[in-house]
Amino acid sequence: MDLMDAETRAWRVRERVRLKDERMHLPSADRSLLTDAIARNLDVVFKRLRGTLGVYWPIQGEFDLRQWAERLRIRRRHTLALPVVVREQAPLEYCKWQPGDPMARGFWGIMVPKQGQPVIPDVVIAPLVGFCGFYRLGHGGGYFDRTLAAMRPKPLAIGVGTEASRIEGFVPQPHDIPMDVIVTEAAVYRA
């Protein structure tokens, strides 16, 4: 990964802290309403999509879309997969998953499928800490960007978050990979 200048790195750290704090302090009723609205907009995006869908196990106040993904799996016969850190500072591996599968704690304590059957997703959904245009501000580990850069063919990348997580002043770095679609509670933005 390219090294970014100290000012850019400091700005990203401050924005992550601010946005995660706001997200963590959302009242549960507001979180539920936002999650439902994001899920409705994802339904619009998935009207014509098929194949393996990479979702995420929510951490640090991320919107929990696992029930939505399960409904989609049943209704549309999508295969679901979760990202797994197999090696630090390396691309993620997606492993087949469905609710009820045996799980284990992985990197950062995130739940991952216990018997990881690797799959290549056609579509991946990534949580947004923040976003500017189609660029995603994530947790800062670079895993998602590394994964998209390495995957062939590149899956359709969908970032999910809220309008409140829109940021100004984001300076894309050479390693930042833009999303193809951004979904919020208010809209679907396509690149």
N, C-alpha and C. Protein backbone atom coordinates (compact mmCIF):
# COMPACT_ATOMS: atom_id res chain seq x y z
N MET A 1 0.83 -1.18 0.00
CA MET A 1 0.00 0.00 0.00
C MET A 1 0.87 1.24 0.00
N ASP A 2 0.45 2.25 -0.74
CA ASP A 2 1.23 3.49 -0.79
C ASP A 2 1.15 4.22 0.53
N LEU A 3 2.22 4.92 0.85
CA LEU A 3 2.23 5.72 2.07
C LEU A 3 1.56 7.06 1.80
N MET A 4 0.70 7.48 2.69
CA MET A 4 0.07 8.78 2.50
C MET A 4 0.74 9.79 3.43
N ASP A 5 0.61 11.05 3.08
CA ASP A 5 1.26 12.07 3.90
C ASP A 5 0.58 12.16 5.26
N ALA A 6 1.30 12.71 6.22
CA ALA A 6 0.85 12.75 7.61
C ALA A 6 -0.46 13.52 7.77
N GLU A 7 -0.61 14.61 7.01
CA GLU A 7 -1.84 15.42 7.13
C GLU A 7 -3.07 14.62 6.67
N THR A 8 -2.94 13.92 5.54
CA THR A 8 -4.05 13.11 5.03
C THR A 8 -4.37 11.99 6.00
N ARG A 9 -3.35 11.32 6.51
CA ARG A 9 -3.56 10.23 7.46
C ARG A 9 -4.26 10.75 8.72
N ALA A 10 -3.83 11.90 9.24
CA ALA A 10 -4.43 12.47 10.45
C ALA A 10 -5.89 12.85 10.20
N TRP A 11 -6.18 13.41 9.03
CA TRP A 11 -7.55 13.77 8.69
C TRP A 11 -8.43 12.52 8.68
N ARG A 12 -7.95 11.45 8.06
CA ARG A 12 -8.72 10.21 7.99
C ARG A 12 -8.97 9.64 9.39
N VAL A 13 -7.98 9.68 10.23
CA VAL A 13 -8.14 9.17 11.60
C VAL A 13 -9.21 9.99 12.33
N ARG A 14 -9.14 11.32 12.23
CA ARG A 14 -10.14 12.18 12.90
C ARG A 14 -11.54 11.90 12.38
N GLU A 15 -11.69 11.79 11.06
CA GLU A 15 -13.01 11.53 10.48
C GLU A 15 -13.55 10.16 10.91
N ARG A 16 -12.71 9.15 10.93
CA ARG A 16 -13.15 7.83 11.37
C ARG A 16 -13.67 7.88 12.81
N VAL A 17 -12.90 8.53 13.67
CA VAL A 17 -13.30 8.62 15.08
C VAL A 17 -14.64 9.34 15.19
N ARG A 18 -14.77 10.47 14.52
CA ARG A 18 -16.01 11.27 14.58
C ARG A 18 -17.20 10.48 14.06
N LEU A 19 -17.04 9.88 12.88
CA LEU A 19 -18.16 9.16 12.26
C LEU A 19 -18.54 7.90 13.02
N LYS A 20 -17.55 7.17 13.51
CA LYS A 20 -17.86 5.97 14.30
C LYS A 20 -18.57 6.35 15.60
N ASP A 21 -18.14 7.44 16.22
CA ASP A 21 -18.77 7.90 17.45
C ASP A 21 -20.24 8.25 17.19
N GLU A 22 -20.50 8.97 16.11
CA GLU A 22 -21.89 9.32 15.77
C GLU A 22 -22.71 8.05 15.53
N ARG A 23 -22.13 7.11 14.81
CA ARG A 23 -22.85 5.87 14.49
C ARG A 23 -23.12 5.05 15.74
N MET A 24 -22.13 4.97 16.64
CA MET A 24 -22.28 4.18 17.86
C MET A 24 -23.35 4.77 18.80
N HIS A 25 -23.58 6.08 18.70
CA HIS A 25 -24.53 6.73 19.59
C HIS A 25 -25.92 6.91 18.98
N LEU A 26 -26.17 6.27 17.85
CA LEU A 26 -27.51 6.33 17.26
C LEU A 26 -28.50 5.62 18.17
N PRO A 27 -29.62 6.23 18.46
CA PRO A 27 -30.65 5.52 19.22
C PRO A 27 -31.10 4.28 18.45
N SER A 28 -31.46 3.22 19.15
CA SER A 28 -31.81 1.95 18.49
C SER A 28 -32.98 2.11 17.52
N ALA A 29 -33.96 2.96 17.85
CA ALA A 29 -35.09 3.16 16.94
C ALA A 29 -34.62 3.79 15.63
N ASP A 30 -33.72 4.77 15.72
CA ASP A 30 -33.17 5.40 14.51
C ASP A 30 -32.35 4.41 13.71
N ARG A 31 -31.54 3.59 14.40
CA ARG A 31 -30.72 2.58 13.73
C ARG A 31 -31.61 1.61 12.95
N SER A 32 -32.70 1.20 13.59
CA SER A 32 -33.64 0.26 12.95
C SER A 32 -34.27 0.88 11.71
N LEU A 33 -34.71 2.13 11.82
CA LEU A 33 -35.31 2.82 10.66
C LEU A 33 -34.30 2.98 9.52
N LEU A 34 -33.07 3.35 9.85
CA LEU A 34 -32.04 3.52 8.83
C LEU A 34 -31.70 2.19 8.17
N THR A 35 -31.58 1.14 8.96
CA THR A 35 -31.28 -0.19 8.41
C THR A 35 -32.39 -0.63 7.46
N ASP A 36 -33.65 -0.44 7.84
CA ASP A 36 -34.77 -0.81 6.97
C ASP A 36 -34.75 -0.02 5.67
N ALA A 37 -34.46 1.27 5.75
CA ALA A 37 -34.42 2.10 4.54
C ALA A 37 -33.25 1.69 3.63
N ILE A 38 -32.10 1.40 4.21
CA ILE A 38 -30.95 0.93 3.42
C ILE A 38 -31.32 -0.39 2.74
N ALA A 39 -31.96 -1.29 3.48
CA ALA A 39 -32.36 -2.59 2.92
C ALA A 39 -33.33 -2.42 1.76
N ARG A 40 -34.29 -1.50 1.88
CA ARG A 40 -35.24 -1.25 0.78
C ARG A 40 -34.49 -0.77 -0.46
N ASN A 41 -33.52 0.11 -0.27
CA ASN A 41 -32.75 0.60 -1.43
C ASN A 41 -31.84 -0.49 -1.99
N LEU A 42 -31.34 -1.37 -1.14
CA LEU A 42 -30.57 -2.51 -1.66
C LEU A 42 -31.47 -3.44 -2.49
N ASP A 43 -32.73 -3.59 -2.09
CA ASP A 43 -33.67 -4.40 -2.88
C ASP A 43 -33.79 -3.86 -4.31
N VAL A 44 -33.78 -2.55 -4.44
CA VAL A 44 -33.84 -1.94 -5.78
C VAL A 44 -32.61 -2.33 -6.58
N VAL A 45 -31.45 -2.26 -5.97
CA VAL A 45 -30.19 -2.61 -6.64
C VAL A 45 -30.18 -4.07 -7.05
N PHE A 46 -30.74 -4.94 -6.21
CA PHE A 46 -30.64 -6.38 -6.45
C PHE A 46 -31.77 -6.95 -7.29
N LYS A 47 -32.62 -6.11 -7.87
CA LYS A 47 -33.69 -6.62 -8.72
C LYS A 47 -33.16 -7.48 -9.86
N ARG A 48 -32.01 -7.12 -10.41
CA ARG A 48 -31.47 -7.84 -11.56
C ARG A 48 -30.16 -8.58 -11.27
N LEU A 49 -29.68 -8.52 -10.06
CA LEU A 49 -28.40 -9.16 -9.74
C LEU A 49 -28.60 -10.59 -9.27
N ARG A 50 -27.67 -11.44 -9.65
CA ARG A 50 -27.67 -12.84 -9.24
C ARG A 50 -26.24 -13.23 -8.85
N GLY A 51 -26.10 -14.40 -8.28
CA GLY A 51 -24.78 -14.93 -8.01
C GLY A 51 -24.43 -14.89 -6.54
N THR A 52 -23.14 -14.99 -6.27
CA THR A 52 -22.63 -15.02 -4.90
C THR A 52 -22.47 -13.61 -4.37
N LEU A 53 -23.01 -13.39 -3.18
CA LEU A 53 -23.00 -12.07 -2.56
C LEU A 53 -22.12 -12.08 -1.33
N GLY A 54 -21.08 -11.26 -1.34
CA GLY A 54 -20.24 -11.07 -0.17
C GLY A 54 -20.85 -10.00 0.72
N VAL A 55 -21.21 -10.39 1.93
CA VAL A 55 -21.77 -9.45 2.91
C VAL A 55 -20.73 -9.25 4.01
N TYR A 56 -21.11 -8.70 5.15
CA TYR A 56 -20.16 -8.48 6.23
C TYR A 56 -20.83 -8.77 7.57
N TRP A 57 -20.01 -9.12 8.55
CA TRP A 57 -20.48 -9.29 9.92
C TRP A 57 -20.30 -7.93 10.58
N PRO A 58 -21.38 -7.29 11.05
CA PRO A 58 -21.27 -5.91 11.54
C PRO A 58 -20.45 -5.77 12.83
N ILE A 59 -19.63 -4.73 12.85
CA ILE A 59 -18.85 -4.38 14.03
C ILE A 59 -18.94 -2.87 14.23
N GLN A 60 -18.65 -2.41 15.41
CA GLN A 60 -18.54 -0.99 15.73
C GLN A 60 -19.71 -0.15 15.20
N GLY A 61 -20.92 -0.64 15.43
CA GLY A 61 -22.12 0.12 15.08
C GLY A 61 -22.49 0.09 13.60
N GLU A 62 -21.87 -0.79 12.80
CA GLU A 62 -22.24 -0.88 11.39
C GLU A 62 -23.67 -1.39 11.28
N PHE A 63 -24.33 -1.03 10.20
CA PHE A 63 -25.71 -1.44 10.00
C PHE A 63 -25.75 -2.94 9.71
N ASP A 64 -26.64 -3.63 10.44
CA ASP A 64 -26.72 -5.09 10.36
C ASP A 64 -27.67 -5.50 9.25
N LEU A 65 -27.10 -5.96 8.15
CA LEU A 65 -27.90 -6.34 6.98
C LEU A 65 -28.00 -7.86 6.83
N ARG A 66 -27.69 -8.61 7.88
CA ARG A 66 -27.71 -10.07 7.77
C ARG A 66 -29.11 -10.62 7.54
N GLN A 67 -30.13 -10.06 8.18
CA GLN A 67 -31.50 -10.54 7.93
C GLN A 67 -31.93 -10.22 6.51
N TRP A 68 -31.57 -9.03 6.03
CA TRP A 68 -31.87 -8.68 4.64
C TRP A 68 -31.20 -9.68 3.70
N ALA A 69 -29.92 -9.99 3.95
CA ALA A 69 -29.17 -10.92 3.09
C ALA A 69 -29.81 -12.30 3.12
N GLU A 70 -30.26 -12.74 4.28
CA GLU A 70 -30.90 -14.05 4.38
C GLU A 70 -32.21 -14.08 3.59
N ARG A 71 -33.01 -13.02 3.69
CA ARG A 71 -34.25 -12.95 2.88
C ARG A 71 -33.91 -12.99 1.39
N LEU A 72 -32.87 -12.26 1.00
CA LEU A 72 -32.45 -12.25 -0.41
C LEU A 72 -32.00 -13.65 -0.83
N ARG A 73 -31.24 -14.32 0.03
CA ARG A 73 -30.76 -15.67 -0.28
C ARG A 73 -31.93 -16.62 -0.54
N ILE A 74 -32.93 -16.54 0.30
CA ILE A 74 -34.09 -17.43 0.16
C ILE A 74 -34.91 -17.04 -1.06
N ARG A 75 -35.20 -15.77 -1.21
CA ARG A 75 -36.07 -15.27 -2.28
C ARG A 75 -35.43 -15.38 -3.66
N ARG A 76 -34.15 -15.07 -3.75
CA ARG A 76 -33.48 -14.98 -5.04
C ARG A 76 -32.43 -16.07 -5.27
N ARG A 77 -32.25 -16.92 -4.29
CA ARG A 77 -31.28 -18.02 -4.37
C ARG A 77 -29.85 -17.55 -4.56
N HIS A 78 -29.52 -16.51 -3.86
CA HIS A 78 -28.13 -16.04 -3.83
C HIS A 78 -27.34 -16.92 -2.87
N THR A 79 -26.08 -17.14 -3.18
CA THR A 79 -25.16 -17.74 -2.22
C THR A 79 -24.55 -16.58 -1.45
N LEU A 80 -24.45 -16.72 -0.13
CA LEU A 80 -23.87 -15.67 0.70
C LEU A 80 -22.46 -16.06 1.11
N ALA A 81 -21.63 -15.05 1.33
CA ALA A 81 -20.26 -15.27 1.77
C ALA A 81 -19.84 -14.15 2.72
N LEU A 82 -18.97 -14.48 3.65
CA LEU A 82 -18.41 -13.50 4.58
C LEU A 82 -16.91 -13.37 4.34
N PRO A 83 -16.38 -12.15 4.52
CA PRO A 83 -14.93 -11.97 4.36
C PRO A 83 -14.16 -12.51 5.57
N VAL A 84 -13.00 -13.08 5.28
CA VAL A 84 -12.15 -13.65 6.31
C VAL A 84 -10.73 -13.14 6.10
N VAL A 85 -10.12 -12.65 7.17
CA VAL A 85 -8.70 -12.28 7.11
C VAL A 85 -7.92 -13.58 7.25
N VAL A 86 -7.21 -13.97 6.19
CA VAL A 86 -6.41 -15.19 6.24
C VAL A 86 -4.96 -14.88 6.60
N ARG A 87 -4.56 -13.65 6.34
CA ARG A 87 -3.21 -13.19 6.65
C ARG A 87 -3.27 -11.67 6.80
N GLU A 88 -2.57 -11.15 7.81
CA GLU A 88 -2.54 -9.70 7.98
C GLU A 88 -1.96 -9.02 6.75
N GLN A 89 -2.50 -7.86 6.43
CA GLN A 89 -2.04 -7.03 5.31
C GLN A 89 -2.16 -7.73 3.96
N ALA A 90 -3.10 -8.65 3.82
CA ALA A 90 -3.32 -9.39 2.58
C ALA A 90 -4.79 -9.25 2.19
N PRO A 91 -5.14 -9.57 0.93
CA PRO A 91 -6.55 -9.53 0.55
C PRO A 91 -7.39 -10.49 1.41
N LEU A 92 -8.64 -10.15 1.57
CA LEU A 92 -9.58 -11.00 2.28
C LEU A 92 -9.92 -12.21 1.42
N GLU A 93 -10.36 -13.26 2.07
CA GLU A 93 -10.91 -14.41 1.35
C GLU A 93 -12.38 -14.48 1.75
N TYR A 94 -13.25 -14.66 0.78
CA TYR A 94 -14.67 -14.81 1.09
C TYR A 94 -14.99 -16.28 1.23
N CYS A 95 -15.75 -16.62 2.29
CA CYS A 95 -16.13 -18.00 2.55
C CYS A 95 -17.65 -18.12 2.59
N LYS A 96 -18.13 -19.18 1.99
CA LYS A 96 -19.57 -19.43 1.93
C LYS A 96 -20.15 -19.43 3.34
N TRP A 97 -21.35 -18.84 3.48
CA TRP A 97 -21.98 -18.70 4.79
C TRP A 97 -23.48 -18.56 4.63
N GLN A 98 -24.20 -19.09 5.60
CA GLN A 98 -25.61 -18.77 5.76
C GLN A 98 -25.93 -18.80 7.24
N PRO A 99 -26.95 -18.03 7.66
CA PRO A 99 -27.29 -18.00 9.08
C PRO A 99 -27.48 -19.42 9.61
N GLY A 100 -26.95 -19.66 10.82
CA GLY A 100 -27.03 -20.97 11.44
C GLY A 100 -25.77 -21.80 11.26
N ASP A 101 -24.89 -21.40 10.33
CA ASP A 101 -23.63 -22.11 10.15
C ASP A 101 -22.77 -21.95 11.40
N PRO A 102 -21.94 -22.96 11.72
CA PRO A 102 -21.01 -22.81 12.84
C PRO A 102 -20.04 -21.66 12.58
N MET A 103 -19.81 -20.86 13.61
CA MET A 103 -18.96 -19.67 13.47
C MET A 103 -17.82 -19.73 14.49
N ALA A 104 -16.76 -18.96 14.20
CA ALA A 104 -15.62 -18.84 15.10
C ALA A 104 -15.18 -17.38 15.09
N ARG A 105 -14.44 -16.98 16.12
CA ARG A 105 -13.90 -15.62 16.16
C ARG A 105 -12.66 -15.56 15.28
N GLY A 106 -12.64 -14.58 14.39
CA GLY A 106 -11.50 -14.37 13.52
C GLY A 106 -10.73 -13.13 13.93
N PHE A 107 -10.02 -12.57 12.98
CA PHE A 107 -9.23 -11.36 13.17
C PHE A 107 -10.11 -10.25 13.74
N TRP A 108 -9.61 -9.48 14.67
CA TRP A 108 -10.34 -8.41 15.36
C TRP A 108 -11.57 -8.92 16.09
N GLY A 109 -11.68 -10.23 16.30
CA GLY A 109 -12.82 -10.81 17.00
C GLY A 109 -14.08 -10.90 16.16
N ILE A 110 -13.97 -10.66 14.87
CA ILE A 110 -15.13 -10.70 13.98
C ILE A 110 -15.49 -12.16 13.70
N MET A 111 -16.76 -12.47 13.74
CA MET A 111 -17.23 -13.83 13.51
C MET A 111 -17.03 -14.21 12.03
N VAL A 112 -16.53 -15.42 11.83
CA VAL A 112 -16.29 -15.96 10.48
C VAL A 112 -16.78 -17.40 10.44
N PRO A 113 -17.09 -17.92 9.24
CA PRO A 113 -17.52 -19.31 9.13
C PRO A 113 -16.42 -20.26 9.65
N LYS A 114 -16.82 -21.22 10.48
CA LYS A 114 -15.86 -22.16 11.08
C LYS A 114 -15.24 -23.05 10.01
N GLN A 115 -16.06 -23.57 9.14
CA GLN A 115 -15.55 -24.36 8.02
C GLN A 115 -15.63 -23.48 6.78
N GLY A 116 -14.56 -22.75 6.53
CA GLY A 116 -14.57 -21.77 5.45
C GLY A 116 -14.38 -22.39 4.08
N GLN A 117 -15.47 -22.46 3.32
CA GLN A 117 -15.38 -22.92 1.93
C GLN A 117 -15.22 -21.68 1.06
N PRO A 118 -14.01 -21.44 0.52
CA PRO A 118 -13.77 -20.22 -0.26
C PRO A 118 -14.64 -20.14 -1.51
N VAL A 119 -15.13 -18.94 -1.76
CA VAL A 119 -15.91 -18.65 -2.98
C VAL A 119 -15.48 -17.29 -3.50
N ILE A 120 -15.75 -17.06 -4.76
CA ILE A 120 -15.47 -15.75 -5.37
C ILE A 120 -16.81 -15.04 -5.52
N PRO A 121 -17.02 -13.95 -4.80
CA PRO A 121 -18.31 -13.24 -4.92
C PRO A 121 -18.43 -12.47 -6.24
N ASP A 122 -19.66 -12.41 -6.72
CA ASP A 122 -19.99 -11.61 -7.90
C ASP A 122 -20.26 -10.16 -7.49
N VAL A 123 -20.76 -10.01 -6.26
CA VAL A 123 -21.10 -8.71 -5.69
C VAL A 123 -20.60 -8.70 -4.25
N VAL A 124 -20.02 -7.59 -3.82
CA VAL A 124 -19.63 -7.45 -2.42
C VAL A 124 -20.24 -6.17 -1.85
N ILE A 125 -20.69 -6.29 -0.62
CA ILE A 125 -21.23 -5.14 0.10
C ILE A 125 -20.23 -4.78 1.19
N ALA A 126 -19.85 -3.52 1.23
CA ALA A 126 -18.90 -3.04 2.23
C ALA A 126 -19.53 -1.93 3.05
N PRO A 127 -19.39 -1.98 4.36
CA PRO A 127 -19.91 -0.89 5.19
C PRO A 127 -19.05 0.36 5.02
N LEU A 128 -19.70 1.50 5.03
CA LEU A 128 -19.01 2.78 4.93
C LEU A 128 -18.88 3.40 6.31
N VAL A 129 -17.69 3.76 6.70
CA VAL A 129 -17.54 4.63 7.85
C VAL A 129 -17.93 6.03 7.36
N GLY A 130 -17.43 6.37 6.17
CA GLY A 130 -17.76 7.62 5.50
C GLY A 130 -17.61 7.42 4.00
N PHE A 131 -18.09 8.40 3.23
CA PHE A 131 -17.90 8.32 1.79
C PHE A 131 -17.88 9.71 1.18
N CYS A 132 -17.16 9.82 0.08
CA CYS A 132 -17.07 11.07 -0.68
C CYS A 132 -17.09 10.66 -2.14
N GLY A 133 -18.12 11.10 -2.87
CA GLY A 133 -18.29 10.60 -4.22
C GLY A 133 -18.50 9.10 -4.13
N PHE A 134 -17.67 8.34 -4.84
CA PHE A 134 -17.77 6.88 -4.78
C PHE A 134 -16.63 6.26 -3.97
N TYR A 135 -15.87 7.10 -3.31
CA TYR A 135 -14.77 6.59 -2.48
C TYR A 135 -15.26 6.31 -1.07
N ARG A 136 -14.77 5.23 -0.52
CA ARG A 136 -15.18 4.74 0.79
C ARG A 136 -14.08 5.02 1.82
N LEU A 137 -14.48 5.59 2.94
CA LEU A 137 -13.60 5.67 4.09
C LEU A 137 -13.97 4.48 4.97
N GLY A 138 -13.06 3.54 5.12
CA GLY A 138 -13.33 2.35 5.92
C GLY A 138 -12.66 2.45 7.28
N HIS A 139 -12.35 1.31 7.85
CA HIS A 139 -11.76 1.25 9.19
C HIS A 139 -10.27 1.57 9.18
N GLY A 140 -9.64 1.59 8.02
CA GLY A 140 -8.24 2.01 7.95
C GLY A 140 -7.23 0.90 7.78
N GLY A 141 -7.68 -0.35 7.73
CA GLY A 141 -6.74 -1.46 7.55
C GLY A 141 -6.39 -1.72 6.10
N GLY A 142 -7.19 -1.21 5.16
CA GLY A 142 -6.92 -1.40 3.75
C GLY A 142 -7.33 -2.76 3.20
N TYR A 143 -7.97 -3.58 4.01
CA TYR A 143 -8.30 -4.93 3.57
C TYR A 143 -9.26 -4.95 2.38
N PHE A 144 -10.29 -4.13 2.45
CA PHE A 144 -11.28 -4.16 1.38
C PHE A 144 -10.67 -3.67 0.05
N ASP A 145 -9.90 -2.59 0.09
CA ASP A 145 -9.25 -2.10 -1.13
C ASP A 145 -8.28 -3.14 -1.69
N ARG A 146 -7.49 -3.77 -0.82
CA ARG A 146 -6.55 -4.81 -1.26
C ARG A 146 -7.30 -5.95 -1.94
N THR A 147 -8.45 -6.31 -1.37
CA THR A 147 -9.24 -7.41 -1.90
C THR A 147 -9.79 -7.07 -3.28
N LEU A 148 -10.37 -5.89 -3.42
CA LEU A 148 -10.90 -5.49 -4.73
C LEU A 148 -9.79 -5.40 -5.77
N ALA A 149 -8.64 -4.91 -5.37
CA ALA A 149 -7.52 -4.80 -6.31
C ALA A 149 -7.04 -6.17 -6.79
N ALA A 150 -7.17 -7.18 -5.95
CA ALA A 150 -6.66 -8.51 -6.29
C ALA A 150 -7.68 -9.40 -7.00
N MET A 151 -8.96 -9.13 -6.84
CA MET A 151 -9.98 -10.04 -7.37
C MET A 151 -10.13 -9.93 -8.87
N ARG A 152 -10.14 -11.08 -9.52
CA ARG A 152 -10.38 -11.17 -10.96
C ARG A 152 -11.38 -12.28 -11.20
N PRO A 153 -12.51 -12.01 -11.81
CA PRO A 153 -12.94 -10.67 -12.20
C PRO A 153 -13.34 -9.86 -10.96
N LYS A 154 -13.23 -8.54 -11.09
CA LYS A 154 -13.59 -7.66 -9.98
C LYS A 154 -15.11 -7.73 -9.77
N PRO A 155 -15.54 -7.98 -8.54
CA PRO A 155 -16.98 -8.00 -8.27
C PRO A 155 -17.56 -6.58 -8.29
N LEU A 156 -18.86 -6.51 -8.44
CA LEU A 156 -19.56 -5.24 -8.28
C LEU A 156 -19.43 -4.86 -6.82
N ALA A 157 -18.91 -3.66 -6.54
CA ALA A 157 -18.66 -3.22 -5.16
C ALA A 157 -19.73 -2.21 -4.75
N ILE A 158 -20.45 -2.54 -3.68
CA ILE A 158 -21.52 -1.69 -3.17
C ILE A 158 -21.16 -1.24 -1.76
N GLY A 159 -21.09 0.06 -1.55
CA GLY A 159 -20.86 0.62 -0.23
C GLY A 159 -22.19 0.99 0.40
N VAL A 160 -22.38 0.66 1.69
CA VAL A 160 -23.62 1.00 2.38
C VAL A 160 -23.34 1.85 3.61
N GLY A 161 -24.13 2.89 3.75
CA GLY A 161 -24.00 3.81 4.88
C GLY A 161 -25.15 4.78 4.89
N THR A 162 -24.97 5.88 5.57
CA THR A 162 -26.04 6.88 5.66
C THR A 162 -25.61 8.19 5.03
N GLU A 163 -26.57 9.00 4.74
CA GLU A 163 -26.28 10.33 4.20
C GLU A 163 -25.43 11.13 5.20
N ALA A 164 -25.63 10.87 6.49
CA ALA A 164 -24.85 11.58 7.51
C ALA A 164 -23.37 11.20 7.47
N SER A 165 -23.03 10.12 6.79
CA SER A 165 -21.63 9.70 6.71
C SER A 165 -20.93 10.26 5.47
N ARG A 166 -21.63 11.11 4.73
CA ARG A 166 -21.01 11.78 3.58
C ARG A 166 -19.99 12.78 4.11
N ILE A 167 -18.81 12.78 3.53
CA ILE A 167 -17.73 13.66 4.00
C ILE A 167 -17.20 14.52 2.87
N GLU A 168 -16.67 15.65 3.24
CA GLU A 168 -15.99 16.54 2.30
C GLU A 168 -14.50 16.51 2.63
N GLY A 169 -13.68 16.73 1.64
CA GLY A 169 -12.25 16.82 1.89
C GLY A 169 -11.50 15.52 1.77
N PHE A 170 -12.16 14.45 1.37
CA PHE A 170 -11.49 13.16 1.19
C PHE A 170 -10.55 13.26 -0.01
N VAL A 171 -9.30 12.90 0.19
CA VAL A 171 -8.32 12.91 -0.89
C VAL A 171 -8.00 11.46 -1.22
N PRO A 172 -8.50 10.95 -2.38
CA PRO A 172 -8.22 9.56 -2.73
C PRO A 172 -6.72 9.32 -2.87
N GLN A 173 -6.29 8.17 -2.38
CA GLN A 173 -4.91 7.75 -2.49
C GLN A 173 -4.82 6.69 -3.59
N PRO A 174 -3.63 6.40 -4.08
CA PRO A 174 -3.49 5.41 -5.16
C PRO A 174 -4.10 4.05 -4.83
N HIS A 175 -4.13 3.68 -3.55
CA HIS A 175 -4.67 2.38 -3.17
C HIS A 175 -6.19 2.39 -2.99
N ASP A 176 -6.83 3.56 -2.97
CA ASP A 176 -8.28 3.63 -2.77
C ASP A 176 -9.01 3.22 -4.04
N ILE A 177 -9.94 2.30 -3.90
CA ILE A 177 -10.72 1.82 -5.05
C ILE A 177 -12.15 2.30 -4.87
N PRO A 178 -12.68 3.02 -5.87
CA PRO A 178 -14.05 3.52 -5.72
C PRO A 178 -15.09 2.40 -5.78
N MET A 179 -16.19 2.65 -5.12
CA MET A 179 -17.33 1.74 -5.18
C MET A 179 -18.03 1.92 -6.53
N ASP A 180 -18.73 0.90 -6.96
CA ASP A 180 -19.55 0.99 -8.17
C ASP A 180 -20.91 1.59 -7.85
N VAL A 181 -21.36 1.33 -6.64
CA VAL A 181 -22.68 1.79 -6.17
C VAL A 181 -22.53 2.18 -4.70
N ILE A 182 -23.20 3.27 -4.32
CA ILE A 182 -23.32 3.65 -2.91
C ILE A 182 -24.82 3.62 -2.58
N VAL A 183 -25.16 2.94 -1.49
CA VAL A 183 -26.56 2.86 -1.06
C VAL A 183 -26.66 3.47 0.33
N THR A 184 -27.57 4.44 0.46
CA THR A 184 -27.85 5.05 1.76
C THR A 184 -29.34 4.88 2.04
N GLU A 185 -29.78 5.42 3.16
CA GLU A 185 -31.21 5.36 3.48
C GLU A 185 -32.04 6.20 2.53
N ALA A 186 -31.41 7.15 1.84
CA ALA A 186 -32.14 8.09 0.99
C ALA A 186 -32.06 7.81 -0.50
N ALA A 187 -31.00 7.11 -0.94
CA ALA A 187 -30.80 7.01 -2.38
C ALA A 187 -29.85 5.86 -2.75
N VAL A 188 -29.86 5.58 -4.05
CA VAL A 188 -28.89 4.67 -4.67
C VAL A 188 -28.09 5.51 -5.64
N TYR A 189 -26.78 5.56 -5.47
CA TYR A 189 -25.89 6.31 -6.35
C TYR A 189 -25.08 5.32 -7.15
N ARG A 190 -25.13 5.45 -8.46
CA ARG A 190 -24.39 4.53 -9.34
C ARG A 190 -23.27 5.29 -10.04
N ALA A 191 -22.09 4.68 -10.08
CA ALA A 191 -20.93 5.31 -10.73
C ALA A 191 -21.15 5.33 -12.23
